[in-house]
Amino acid sequence: MGLEIECKLYFPSLETIQAHLFQAGAQLTNPRTYEHNIRYEGPNGDFTSHGIVLRLRRDQDIRLTYKAPAPQVAGGMVTRLELETTVGDFETMDTILKHLGYRHSMVYEKYRTTYHLPDIPDVELVMDEMPYGNFLEVEGTPEGIEVALAKLNLTDAPRIEMGYVDLFELLRGYYQFAFRDLTFQNFTGLNIDPQIFVPPHK
């Protein structure tokens, strides 16, 4: 079993994220990559209400991911059971899931660039470009995350305890969006108030 432990920070601009990474000596691990994700609802329609995530992702690879409900939150870090495996064909896996009774809950997209700090090997830094904004995720052990944030000069930066889909639902409620998919096309021409990402999210 695997535990995902991460800390998420919002930035109005990618240049600000890149400046912190550069000053800390972060090195590129994986270049900017487009991700296409399908999130599924269970046969009984209860995955979302129970906080369960079943996701099929295509980037350089194709991966099926399960995330358990009830993540633990402490110190601005979110800890959650995550199980993931690589599959051979995106469309075939999608078809299998639909035949088993799972249905598409939503499609979401992002661009992800991955970095690491050579002297903190147990931490991964990911710069995520979401359709509604830019984020830095720091993933690793709790101790490693704190050391990395200190080196990035981001110890006191506000930490977001919500996932990307939950943030999308926050925006949908605030702006009364009719669309259900978190895609770049749906957000074209929309201006999102950056203050909505400043914790706490009420």
N, C-alpha and C. Protein backbone atom coordinates (compact mmCIF):
# COMPACT_ATOMS: atom_id res chain seq x y z
N MET A 1 0.84 -1.18 0.00
CA MET A 1 0.00 0.00 0.00
C MET A 1 0.88 1.24 0.00
N GLY A 2 0.34 2.36 -0.59
CA GLY A 2 1.10 3.59 -0.64
C GLY A 2 0.32 4.74 -0.04
N LEU A 3 1.02 5.60 0.67
CA LEU A 3 0.42 6.80 1.21
C LEU A 3 0.89 8.01 0.42
N GLU A 4 -0.04 8.85 0.02
CA GLU A 4 0.27 10.10 -0.63
C GLU A 4 0.25 11.19 0.44
N ILE A 5 1.37 11.86 0.63
CA ILE A 5 1.45 12.97 1.58
C ILE A 5 1.91 14.19 0.79
N GLU A 6 1.10 15.24 0.79
CA GLU A 6 1.42 16.38 -0.04
C GLU A 6 0.96 17.69 0.58
N CYS A 7 1.58 18.75 0.14
CA CYS A 7 1.24 20.11 0.54
C CYS A 7 1.05 20.91 -0.75
N LYS A 8 -0.06 21.65 -0.83
CA LYS A 8 -0.38 22.36 -2.06
C LYS A 8 -0.39 23.87 -1.80
N LEU A 9 0.23 24.63 -2.71
CA LEU A 9 0.31 26.09 -2.61
C LEU A 9 -0.18 26.71 -3.91
N TYR A 10 -0.90 27.82 -3.79
CA TYR A 10 -1.40 28.53 -4.98
C TYR A 10 -0.52 29.74 -5.28
N PHE A 11 -0.31 29.99 -6.59
CA PHE A 11 0.44 31.16 -7.03
C PHE A 11 -0.29 31.81 -8.20
N PRO A 12 -0.41 33.14 -8.20
CA PRO A 12 -1.06 33.80 -9.33
C PRO A 12 -0.30 33.63 -10.65
N SER A 13 1.03 33.44 -10.58
CA SER A 13 1.80 33.33 -11.82
C SER A 13 2.78 32.16 -11.76
N LEU A 14 3.03 31.58 -12.92
CA LEU A 14 4.03 30.52 -13.02
C LEU A 14 5.43 31.05 -12.77
N GLU A 15 5.66 32.31 -13.13
CA GLU A 15 6.98 32.90 -12.96
C GLU A 15 7.39 32.93 -11.48
N THR A 16 6.42 33.16 -10.60
CA THR A 16 6.71 33.17 -9.17
C THR A 16 7.13 31.79 -8.69
N ILE A 17 6.42 30.77 -9.14
CA ILE A 17 6.79 29.39 -8.77
C ILE A 17 8.19 29.09 -9.28
N GLN A 18 8.45 29.41 -10.53
CA GLN A 18 9.74 29.11 -11.13
C GLN A 18 10.88 29.85 -10.42
N ALA A 19 10.60 31.05 -9.95
CA ALA A 19 11.63 31.82 -9.23
C ALA A 19 12.01 31.12 -7.93
N HIS A 20 11.03 30.63 -7.19
CA HIS A 20 11.32 29.90 -5.94
C HIS A 20 12.10 28.63 -6.24
N LEU A 21 11.71 27.91 -7.29
CA LEU A 21 12.40 26.67 -7.65
C LEU A 21 13.84 26.96 -8.06
N PHE A 22 14.04 27.98 -8.87
CA PHE A 22 15.37 28.31 -9.35
C PHE A 22 16.28 28.73 -8.19
N GLN A 23 15.77 29.56 -7.30
CA GLN A 23 16.58 30.04 -6.18
C GLN A 23 16.96 28.91 -5.23
N ALA A 24 16.12 27.88 -5.16
CA ALA A 24 16.40 26.76 -4.27
C ALA A 24 17.29 25.71 -4.93
N GLY A 25 17.59 25.87 -6.21
CA GLY A 25 18.42 24.91 -6.91
C GLY A 25 17.68 23.66 -7.38
N ALA A 26 16.37 23.78 -7.57
CA ALA A 26 15.59 22.63 -8.04
C ALA A 26 16.00 22.25 -9.45
N GLN A 27 15.99 20.95 -9.72
CA GLN A 27 16.37 20.44 -11.03
C GLN A 27 15.17 19.77 -11.69
N LEU A 28 15.07 19.95 -12.98
CA LEU A 28 13.96 19.39 -13.74
C LEU A 28 14.04 17.87 -13.77
N THR A 29 12.94 17.22 -13.42
CA THR A 29 12.84 15.77 -13.48
C THR A 29 12.06 15.32 -14.70
N ASN A 30 10.96 16.02 -14.96
CA ASN A 30 10.12 15.67 -16.09
C ASN A 30 9.57 16.96 -16.70
N PRO A 31 9.75 17.18 -18.00
CA PRO A 31 9.32 18.44 -18.62
C PRO A 31 7.80 18.58 -18.63
N ARG A 32 7.36 19.76 -18.98
CA ARG A 32 5.93 20.09 -19.01
C ARG A 32 5.17 19.07 -19.84
N THR A 33 4.16 18.46 -19.21
CA THR A 33 3.43 17.36 -19.84
C THR A 33 1.93 17.55 -19.66
N TYR A 34 1.19 17.35 -20.72
CA TYR A 34 -0.26 17.44 -20.68
C TYR A 34 -0.85 16.17 -20.06
N GLU A 35 -1.83 16.34 -19.18
CA GLU A 35 -2.53 15.21 -18.56
C GLU A 35 -4.02 15.28 -18.91
N HIS A 36 -4.54 14.13 -19.30
CA HIS A 36 -5.98 13.97 -19.53
C HIS A 36 -6.48 12.93 -18.53
N ASN A 37 -7.46 13.34 -17.72
CA ASN A 37 -7.96 12.48 -16.65
C ASN A 37 -9.47 12.27 -16.77
N ILE A 38 -9.89 11.05 -16.50
CA ILE A 38 -11.30 10.76 -16.34
C ILE A 38 -11.51 10.29 -14.90
N ARG A 39 -12.44 10.92 -14.23
CA ARG A 39 -12.81 10.51 -12.88
C ARG A 39 -14.16 9.81 -12.95
N TYR A 40 -14.29 8.69 -12.22
CA TYR A 40 -15.46 7.83 -12.33
C TYR A 40 -16.33 7.90 -11.09
N GLU A 41 -17.61 7.69 -11.32
CA GLU A 41 -18.57 7.49 -10.24
C GLU A 41 -18.86 6.01 -10.13
N GLY A 42 -19.14 5.52 -8.93
CA GLY A 42 -19.38 4.10 -8.72
C GLY A 42 -20.73 3.65 -9.24
N PRO A 43 -20.91 2.34 -9.38
CA PRO A 43 -22.18 1.81 -9.87
C PRO A 43 -23.38 2.27 -9.04
N ASN A 44 -23.16 2.52 -7.76
CA ASN A 44 -24.24 2.99 -6.90
C ASN A 44 -24.28 4.51 -6.79
N GLY A 45 -23.40 5.19 -7.52
CA GLY A 45 -23.39 6.64 -7.51
C GLY A 45 -22.93 7.26 -6.21
N ASP A 46 -22.07 6.53 -5.48
CA ASP A 46 -21.72 7.01 -4.14
C ASP A 46 -20.24 7.31 -3.95
N PHE A 47 -19.44 7.26 -5.00
CA PHE A 47 -18.01 7.54 -4.84
C PHE A 47 -17.78 8.98 -4.37
N THR A 48 -18.40 9.93 -5.06
CA THR A 48 -18.17 11.33 -4.72
C THR A 48 -18.64 11.64 -3.31
N SER A 49 -19.82 11.18 -2.95
CA SER A 49 -20.37 11.47 -1.63
C SER A 49 -19.55 10.83 -0.52
N HIS A 50 -18.84 9.74 -0.82
CA HIS A 50 -18.02 9.06 0.17
C HIS A 50 -16.54 9.47 0.08
N GLY A 51 -16.21 10.38 -0.83
CA GLY A 51 -14.83 10.84 -0.93
C GLY A 51 -13.89 9.87 -1.59
N ILE A 52 -14.42 8.93 -2.36
CA ILE A 52 -13.59 7.93 -3.06
C ILE A 52 -13.24 8.46 -4.45
N VAL A 53 -11.99 8.27 -4.85
CA VAL A 53 -11.54 8.68 -6.18
C VAL A 53 -11.12 7.45 -6.98
N LEU A 54 -11.70 7.28 -8.14
CA LEU A 54 -11.24 6.29 -9.12
C LEU A 54 -10.95 7.07 -10.39
N ARG A 55 -9.69 7.04 -10.84
CA ARG A 55 -9.25 7.92 -11.92
C ARG A 55 -8.43 7.16 -12.94
N LEU A 56 -8.67 7.48 -14.21
CA LEU A 56 -7.84 6.97 -15.31
C LEU A 56 -7.12 8.16 -15.91
N ARG A 57 -5.78 8.09 -15.96
CA ARG A 57 -4.96 9.22 -16.40
C ARG A 57 -4.08 8.81 -17.58
N ARG A 58 -3.98 9.74 -18.54
CA ARG A 58 -3.04 9.55 -19.65
C ARG A 58 -2.11 10.75 -19.72
N ASP A 59 -0.80 10.48 -19.58
CA ASP A 59 0.24 11.47 -19.87
C ASP A 59 1.29 10.74 -20.70
N GLN A 60 2.51 10.55 -20.17
CA GLN A 60 3.45 9.69 -20.89
C GLN A 60 3.04 8.23 -20.75
N ASP A 61 2.34 7.94 -19.66
CA ASP A 61 1.87 6.59 -19.37
C ASP A 61 0.36 6.61 -19.23
N ILE A 62 -0.20 5.46 -18.96
CA ILE A 62 -1.63 5.34 -18.68
C ILE A 62 -1.76 4.64 -17.34
N ARG A 63 -2.42 5.31 -16.40
CA ARG A 63 -2.48 4.77 -15.04
C ARG A 63 -3.89 4.83 -14.49
N LEU A 64 -4.24 3.77 -13.77
CA LEU A 64 -5.50 3.70 -13.04
C LEU A 64 -5.18 3.91 -11.57
N THR A 65 -5.90 4.85 -10.94
CA THR A 65 -5.60 5.25 -9.57
C THR A 65 -6.84 5.16 -8.70
N TYR A 66 -6.66 4.63 -7.50
CA TYR A 66 -7.69 4.65 -6.46
C TYR A 66 -7.17 5.46 -5.29
N LYS A 67 -8.01 6.38 -4.79
CA LYS A 67 -7.69 7.14 -3.59
C LYS A 67 -8.79 6.89 -2.56
N ALA A 68 -8.37 6.51 -1.36
CA ALA A 68 -9.32 6.18 -0.31
C ALA A 68 -9.99 7.43 0.23
N PRO A 69 -11.16 7.27 0.83
CA PRO A 69 -11.83 8.42 1.44
C PRO A 69 -11.15 8.84 2.73
N ALA A 70 -11.68 9.93 3.29
CA ALA A 70 -11.25 10.42 4.61
C ALA A 70 -9.75 10.67 4.70
N PRO A 71 -9.22 11.58 3.87
CA PRO A 71 -7.80 11.92 4.03
C PRO A 71 -7.55 12.60 5.37
N GLN A 72 -6.35 12.41 5.90
CA GLN A 72 -5.96 13.07 7.14
C GLN A 72 -5.28 14.38 6.80
N VAL A 73 -5.62 15.42 7.54
CA VAL A 73 -5.05 16.74 7.31
C VAL A 73 -4.39 17.22 8.59
N ALA A 74 -3.12 17.58 8.50
CA ALA A 74 -2.38 18.09 9.66
C ALA A 74 -1.27 19.00 9.16
N GLY A 75 -1.15 20.18 9.74
CA GLY A 75 -0.10 21.09 9.37
C GLY A 75 -0.13 21.52 7.92
N GLY A 76 -1.33 21.56 7.34
CA GLY A 76 -1.45 21.94 5.94
C GLY A 76 -1.03 20.86 4.97
N MET A 77 -0.78 19.63 5.48
CA MET A 77 -0.43 18.49 4.62
C MET A 77 -1.59 17.51 4.62
N VAL A 78 -1.83 16.93 3.45
CA VAL A 78 -2.91 15.96 3.28
C VAL A 78 -2.30 14.59 3.07
N THR A 79 -2.74 13.62 3.89
CA THR A 79 -2.25 12.24 3.79
C THR A 79 -3.42 11.35 3.38
N ARG A 80 -3.19 10.53 2.37
CA ARG A 80 -4.28 9.71 1.83
C ARG A 80 -3.72 8.42 1.24
N LEU A 81 -4.44 7.33 1.43
CA LEU A 81 -4.07 6.08 0.78
C LEU A 81 -4.28 6.22 -0.71
N GLU A 82 -3.24 5.91 -1.49
CA GLU A 82 -3.31 5.98 -2.94
C GLU A 82 -2.72 4.70 -3.52
N LEU A 83 -3.49 4.04 -4.37
CA LEU A 83 -3.05 2.82 -5.06
C LEU A 83 -3.11 3.09 -6.56
N GLU A 84 -2.02 2.78 -7.25
CA GLU A 84 -1.94 3.12 -8.67
C GLU A 84 -1.22 2.02 -9.43
N THR A 85 -1.70 1.77 -10.65
CA THR A 85 -1.05 0.78 -11.50
C THR A 85 -1.10 1.25 -12.95
N THR A 86 -0.09 0.86 -13.71
CA THR A 86 -0.03 1.20 -15.13
C THR A 86 -0.84 0.19 -15.93
N VAL A 87 -1.59 0.70 -16.91
CA VAL A 87 -2.37 -0.16 -17.80
C VAL A 87 -1.92 0.08 -19.23
N GLY A 88 -2.28 -0.85 -20.11
CA GLY A 88 -1.73 -0.81 -21.45
C GLY A 88 -2.47 0.05 -22.46
N ASP A 89 -3.79 0.24 -22.26
CA ASP A 89 -4.56 0.93 -23.28
C ASP A 89 -5.65 1.77 -22.61
N PHE A 90 -5.65 3.05 -22.89
CA PHE A 90 -6.58 3.98 -22.23
C PHE A 90 -8.04 3.67 -22.60
N GLU A 91 -8.32 3.58 -23.87
CA GLU A 91 -9.70 3.38 -24.31
C GLU A 91 -10.25 2.03 -23.84
N THR A 92 -9.40 0.98 -23.89
CA THR A 92 -9.86 -0.34 -23.45
C THR A 92 -10.16 -0.34 -21.96
N MET A 93 -9.29 0.30 -21.15
CA MET A 93 -9.55 0.36 -19.72
C MET A 93 -10.82 1.14 -19.42
N ASP A 94 -11.02 2.23 -20.13
CA ASP A 94 -12.24 3.01 -19.97
C ASP A 94 -13.47 2.17 -20.30
N THR A 95 -13.39 1.41 -21.37
CA THR A 95 -14.52 0.57 -21.77
C THR A 95 -14.80 -0.52 -20.73
N ILE A 96 -13.74 -1.13 -20.21
CA ILE A 96 -13.91 -2.15 -19.16
C ILE A 96 -14.64 -1.56 -17.96
N LEU A 97 -14.20 -0.39 -17.52
CA LEU A 97 -14.81 0.23 -16.34
C LEU A 97 -16.28 0.54 -16.60
N LYS A 98 -16.60 1.02 -17.79
CA LYS A 98 -18.00 1.33 -18.10
C LYS A 98 -18.84 0.07 -18.16
N HIS A 99 -18.27 -1.03 -18.68
CA HIS A 99 -19.01 -2.30 -18.70
C HIS A 99 -19.24 -2.83 -17.28
N LEU A 100 -18.37 -2.48 -16.36
CA LEU A 100 -18.53 -2.91 -14.97
C LEU A 100 -19.49 -2.01 -14.19
N GLY A 101 -20.01 -1.00 -14.84
CA GLY A 101 -21.01 -0.16 -14.19
C GLY A 101 -20.51 1.18 -13.72
N TYR A 102 -19.22 1.48 -13.94
CA TYR A 102 -18.69 2.78 -13.57
C TYR A 102 -19.01 3.79 -14.68
N ARG A 103 -19.31 5.01 -14.29
CA ARG A 103 -19.63 6.03 -15.29
C ARG A 103 -18.73 7.26 -15.09
N HIS A 104 -18.60 8.02 -16.15
CA HIS A 104 -17.78 9.22 -16.09
C HIS A 104 -18.42 10.23 -15.15
N SER A 105 -17.66 10.68 -14.17
CA SER A 105 -18.11 11.76 -13.29
C SER A 105 -17.67 13.10 -13.87
N MET A 106 -16.44 13.15 -14.35
CA MET A 106 -15.93 14.37 -14.97
C MET A 106 -14.63 14.08 -15.70
N VAL A 107 -14.30 14.97 -16.62
CA VAL A 107 -12.99 14.99 -17.28
C VAL A 107 -12.25 16.20 -16.75
N TYR A 108 -10.96 16.04 -16.45
CA TYR A 108 -10.18 17.22 -16.09
C TYR A 108 -8.78 17.14 -16.68
N GLU A 109 -8.23 18.34 -16.92
CA GLU A 109 -6.95 18.47 -17.61
C GLU A 109 -5.99 19.31 -16.78
N LYS A 110 -4.72 19.10 -17.03
CA LYS A 110 -3.71 20.00 -16.49
C LYS A 110 -2.40 19.77 -17.22
N TYR A 111 -1.47 20.73 -17.03
CA TYR A 111 -0.09 20.56 -17.46
C TYR A 111 0.76 20.46 -16.20
N ARG A 112 1.66 19.49 -16.18
CA ARG A 112 2.49 19.26 -14.99
C ARG A 112 3.96 19.23 -15.38
N THR A 113 4.76 19.95 -14.60
CA THR A 113 6.22 19.94 -14.73
C THR A 113 6.79 19.50 -13.39
N THR A 114 7.72 18.54 -13.41
CA THR A 114 8.19 17.94 -12.17
C THR A 114 9.66 18.28 -11.92
N TYR A 115 9.95 18.60 -10.65
CA TYR A 115 11.30 18.97 -10.23
C TYR A 115 11.68 18.18 -8.97
N HIS A 116 12.97 18.24 -8.64
CA HIS A 116 13.42 17.69 -7.36
C HIS A 116 14.56 18.55 -6.83
N LEU A 117 14.76 18.46 -5.52
CA LEU A 117 15.90 19.13 -4.88
C LEU A 117 16.95 18.06 -4.61
N PRO A 118 18.15 18.15 -5.19
CA PRO A 118 19.15 17.08 -5.09
C PRO A 118 19.47 16.67 -3.66
N ASP A 119 19.41 17.61 -2.73
CA ASP A 119 19.77 17.27 -1.35
C ASP A 119 18.58 16.83 -0.51
N ILE A 120 17.38 16.75 -1.12
CA ILE A 120 16.19 16.24 -0.41
C ILE A 120 15.55 15.19 -1.31
N PRO A 121 16.14 14.00 -1.38
CA PRO A 121 15.72 13.01 -2.37
C PRO A 121 14.33 12.42 -2.15
N ASP A 122 13.78 12.56 -0.94
CA ASP A 122 12.48 11.94 -0.66
C ASP A 122 11.31 12.89 -0.93
N VAL A 123 11.57 13.98 -1.65
CA VAL A 123 10.52 14.97 -1.93
C VAL A 123 10.45 15.22 -3.43
N GLU A 124 9.22 15.31 -3.94
CA GLU A 124 8.98 15.65 -5.34
C GLU A 124 8.24 16.99 -5.39
N LEU A 125 8.66 17.84 -6.32
CA LEU A 125 8.03 19.14 -6.51
C LEU A 125 7.34 19.14 -7.87
N VAL A 126 6.06 19.46 -7.90
CA VAL A 126 5.33 19.48 -9.16
C VAL A 126 4.65 20.83 -9.34
N MET A 127 4.89 21.43 -10.49
CA MET A 127 4.24 22.69 -10.86
C MET A 127 3.06 22.34 -11.76
N ASP A 128 1.87 22.61 -11.28
CA ASP A 128 0.65 22.25 -12.00
C ASP A 128 -0.03 23.49 -12.55
N GLU A 129 -0.30 23.45 -13.85
CA GLU A 129 -1.08 24.48 -14.51
C GLU A 129 -2.49 23.93 -14.70
N MET A 130 -3.41 24.37 -13.84
CA MET A 130 -4.80 23.98 -13.93
C MET A 130 -5.56 24.99 -14.79
N PRO A 131 -6.71 24.62 -15.34
CA PRO A 131 -7.47 25.58 -16.12
C PRO A 131 -7.83 26.85 -15.34
N TYR A 132 -7.88 26.77 -14.00
CA TYR A 132 -8.27 27.93 -13.20
C TYR A 132 -7.12 28.56 -12.43
N GLY A 133 -5.88 28.05 -12.54
CA GLY A 133 -4.79 28.66 -11.80
C GLY A 133 -3.56 27.79 -11.72
N ASN A 134 -2.53 28.30 -11.05
CA ASN A 134 -1.23 27.64 -10.98
C ASN A 134 -0.90 27.24 -9.54
N PHE A 135 -0.33 26.05 -9.39
CA PHE A 135 -0.09 25.50 -8.06
C PHE A 135 1.26 24.81 -8.01
N LEU A 136 1.81 24.77 -6.80
CA LEU A 136 2.99 23.96 -6.53
C LEU A 136 2.60 22.92 -5.51
N GLU A 137 2.82 21.65 -5.85
CA GLU A 137 2.60 20.56 -4.90
C GLU A 137 3.96 20.02 -4.45
N VAL A 138 4.11 19.87 -3.16
CA VAL A 138 5.32 19.31 -2.57
C VAL A 138 4.92 17.99 -1.94
N GLU A 139 5.47 16.89 -2.44
CA GLU A 139 5.04 15.56 -2.01
C GLU A 139 6.24 14.77 -1.48
N GLY A 140 6.02 14.09 -0.37
CA GLY A 140 7.08 13.29 0.24
C GLY A 140 6.74 12.94 1.67
N THR A 141 7.73 12.84 2.53
CA THR A 141 7.49 12.63 3.95
C THR A 141 7.17 13.97 4.60
N PRO A 142 6.46 13.98 5.74
CA PRO A 142 6.19 15.26 6.40
C PRO A 142 7.45 16.05 6.71
N GLU A 143 8.48 15.37 7.18
CA GLU A 143 9.73 16.05 7.50
C GLU A 143 10.38 16.61 6.24
N GLY A 144 10.41 15.79 5.19
CA GLY A 144 11.02 16.23 3.94
C GLY A 144 10.28 17.41 3.33
N ILE A 145 8.95 17.39 3.43
CA ILE A 145 8.16 18.50 2.89
C ILE A 145 8.50 19.80 3.60
N GLU A 146 8.61 19.75 4.93
CA GLU A 146 8.94 20.97 5.68
C GLU A 146 10.34 21.48 5.33
N VAL A 147 11.29 20.58 5.17
CA VAL A 147 12.64 20.99 4.80
C VAL A 147 12.64 21.61 3.41
N ALA A 148 11.88 21.01 2.49
CA ALA A 148 11.81 21.54 1.13
C ALA A 148 11.15 22.92 1.11
N LEU A 149 10.07 23.09 1.87
CA LEU A 149 9.39 24.38 1.91
C LEU A 149 10.31 25.46 2.47
N ALA A 150 11.11 25.08 3.46
CA ALA A 150 12.05 26.05 4.03
C ALA A 150 13.10 26.45 2.99
N LYS A 151 13.59 25.48 2.25
CA LYS A 151 14.60 25.78 1.23
C LYS A 151 14.01 26.62 0.10
N LEU A 152 12.72 26.42 -0.17
CA LEU A 152 12.03 27.20 -1.19
C LEU A 152 11.59 28.57 -0.68
N ASN A 153 11.84 28.82 0.61
CA ASN A 153 11.40 30.06 1.25
C ASN A 153 9.89 30.19 1.20
N LEU A 154 9.20 29.07 1.45
CA LEU A 154 7.73 29.04 1.38
C LEU A 154 7.11 28.47 2.66
N THR A 155 7.87 28.44 3.73
CA THR A 155 7.35 27.86 4.98
C THR A 155 6.06 28.52 5.41
N ASP A 156 5.98 29.83 5.27
CA ASP A 156 4.81 30.57 5.75
C ASP A 156 3.75 30.79 4.68
N ALA A 157 3.92 30.22 3.51
CA ALA A 157 2.93 30.40 2.45
C ALA A 157 1.64 29.67 2.83
N PRO A 158 0.47 30.23 2.49
CA PRO A 158 -0.79 29.56 2.80
C PRO A 158 -0.88 28.19 2.12
N ARG A 159 -1.29 27.19 2.89
CA ARG A 159 -1.36 25.82 2.37
C ARG A 159 -2.82 25.44 2.10
N ILE A 160 -3.04 24.90 0.93
CA ILE A 160 -4.38 24.54 0.50
C ILE A 160 -4.62 23.07 0.82
N GLU A 161 -5.69 22.79 1.53
CA GLU A 161 -5.98 21.44 1.98
C GLU A 161 -7.04 20.76 1.11
N MET A 162 -7.46 21.41 0.05
CA MET A 162 -8.46 20.85 -0.86
C MET A 162 -7.79 20.31 -2.11
N GLY A 163 -8.38 19.27 -2.69
CA GLY A 163 -7.90 18.74 -3.95
C GLY A 163 -8.35 19.62 -5.12
N TYR A 164 -7.81 19.34 -6.29
CA TYR A 164 -8.14 20.15 -7.46
C TYR A 164 -9.61 20.06 -7.84
N VAL A 165 -10.18 18.88 -7.72
CA VAL A 165 -11.61 18.74 -8.05
C VAL A 165 -12.46 19.46 -7.00
N ASP A 166 -12.08 19.39 -5.73
CA ASP A 166 -12.82 20.11 -4.70
C ASP A 166 -12.73 21.62 -4.92
N LEU A 167 -11.56 22.10 -5.33
CA LEU A 167 -11.43 23.52 -5.65
C LEU A 167 -12.32 23.90 -6.82
N PHE A 168 -12.43 23.00 -7.79
CA PHE A 168 -13.31 23.24 -8.92
C PHE A 168 -14.77 23.34 -8.46
N GLU A 169 -15.17 22.47 -7.54
CA GLU A 169 -16.53 22.52 -7.02
C GLU A 169 -16.77 23.83 -6.26
N LEU A 170 -15.73 24.31 -5.57
CA LEU A 170 -15.82 25.60 -4.90
C LEU A 170 -16.08 26.71 -5.92
N LEU A 171 -15.34 26.67 -7.03
CA LEU A 171 -15.53 27.66 -8.08
C LEU A 171 -16.90 27.54 -8.74
N ARG A 172 -17.35 26.32 -8.95
CA ARG A 172 -18.66 26.11 -9.57
C ARG A 172 -19.76 26.74 -8.72
N GLY A 173 -19.65 26.57 -7.40
CA GLY A 173 -20.64 27.17 -6.53
C GLY A 173 -20.56 28.68 -6.50
N TYR A 174 -19.34 29.21 -6.54
CA TYR A 174 -19.12 30.66 -6.45
C TYR A 174 -19.57 31.36 -7.72
N TYR A 175 -19.19 30.78 -8.87
CA TYR A 175 -19.48 31.43 -10.15
C TYR A 175 -20.71 30.86 -10.85
N GLN A 176 -21.32 29.83 -10.29
CA GLN A 176 -22.50 29.20 -10.88
C GLN A 176 -22.22 28.67 -12.29
N PHE A 177 -21.06 28.00 -12.44
CA PHE A 177 -20.74 27.38 -13.71
C PHE A 177 -21.73 26.25 -14.00
N ALA A 178 -22.16 26.18 -15.27
CA ALA A 178 -23.05 25.09 -15.66
C ALA A 178 -22.27 23.86 -16.11
N PHE A 179 -21.02 24.05 -16.54
CA PHE A 179 -20.25 22.92 -17.07
C PHE A 179 -19.71 22.05 -15.93
N ARG A 180 -19.49 20.77 -16.26
CA ARG A 180 -19.04 19.79 -15.27
C ARG A 180 -17.59 19.38 -15.47
N ASP A 181 -17.02 19.65 -16.62
CA ASP A 181 -15.67 19.20 -16.92
C ASP A 181 -14.66 20.31 -16.68
N LEU A 182 -13.55 19.93 -16.06
CA LEU A 182 -12.48 20.87 -15.70
C LEU A 182 -11.46 20.89 -16.84
N THR A 183 -11.81 21.60 -17.90
CA THR A 183 -10.97 21.62 -19.09
C THR A 183 -10.53 23.06 -19.40
N PHE A 184 -9.43 23.18 -20.13
CA PHE A 184 -8.94 24.49 -20.51
C PHE A 184 -9.94 25.21 -21.41
N GLN A 185 -10.62 24.47 -22.27
CA GLN A 185 -11.61 25.08 -23.16
C GLN A 185 -12.74 25.72 -22.37
N ASN A 186 -13.21 25.03 -21.33
CA ASN A 186 -14.33 25.56 -20.54
C ASN A 186 -13.95 26.85 -19.81
N PHE A 187 -12.68 27.01 -19.48
CA PHE A 187 -12.25 28.19 -18.74
C PHE A 187 -11.71 29.30 -19.65
N THR A 188 -11.73 29.10 -20.96
CA THR A 188 -11.26 30.13 -21.88
C THR A 188 -12.07 31.41 -21.71
N GLY A 189 -11.37 32.52 -21.49
CA GLY A 189 -12.04 33.81 -21.37
C GLY A 189 -12.61 34.12 -20.01
N LEU A 190 -12.50 33.19 -19.05
CA LEU A 190 -13.03 33.43 -17.71
C LEU A 190 -11.95 34.04 -16.82
N ASN A 191 -12.31 34.99 -16.02
CA ASN A 191 -11.40 35.60 -15.07
C ASN A 191 -11.74 35.12 -13.67
N ILE A 192 -10.80 34.41 -13.04
CA ILE A 192 -11.00 33.85 -11.72
C ILE A 192 -10.32 34.73 -10.69
N ASP A 193 -11.04 35.12 -9.67
CA ASP A 193 -10.49 35.93 -8.59
C ASP A 193 -9.49 35.10 -7.80
N PRO A 194 -8.21 35.45 -7.77
CA PRO A 194 -7.21 34.64 -7.06
C PRO A 194 -7.46 34.55 -5.55
N GLN A 195 -8.22 35.48 -4.99
CA GLN A 195 -8.49 35.46 -3.56
C GLN A 195 -9.30 34.25 -3.14
N ILE A 196 -10.00 33.64 -4.10
CA ILE A 196 -10.81 32.47 -3.74
C ILE A 196 -9.94 31.29 -3.34
N PHE A 197 -8.65 31.30 -3.71
CA PHE A 197 -7.75 30.21 -3.38
C PHE A 197 -6.99 30.46 -2.07
N VAL A 198 -7.23 31.58 -1.44
CA VAL A 198 -6.53 31.89 -0.20
C VAL A 198 -7.28 31.24 0.96
N PRO A 199 -6.66 30.29 1.69
CA PRO A 199 -7.33 29.65 2.81
C PRO A 199 -7.66 30.66 3.90
N PRO A 200 -8.67 30.40 4.77
CA PRO A 200 -9.54 29.22 4.71
C PRO A 200 -10.62 29.37 3.66
N HIS A 201 -11.08 28.21 3.13
CA HIS A 201 -12.13 28.20 2.12
C HIS A 201 -13.47 28.06 2.83
N LYS A 202 -14.21 29.12 2.92
CA LYS A 202 -15.49 29.13 3.62
C LYS A 202 -16.64 28.97 2.64
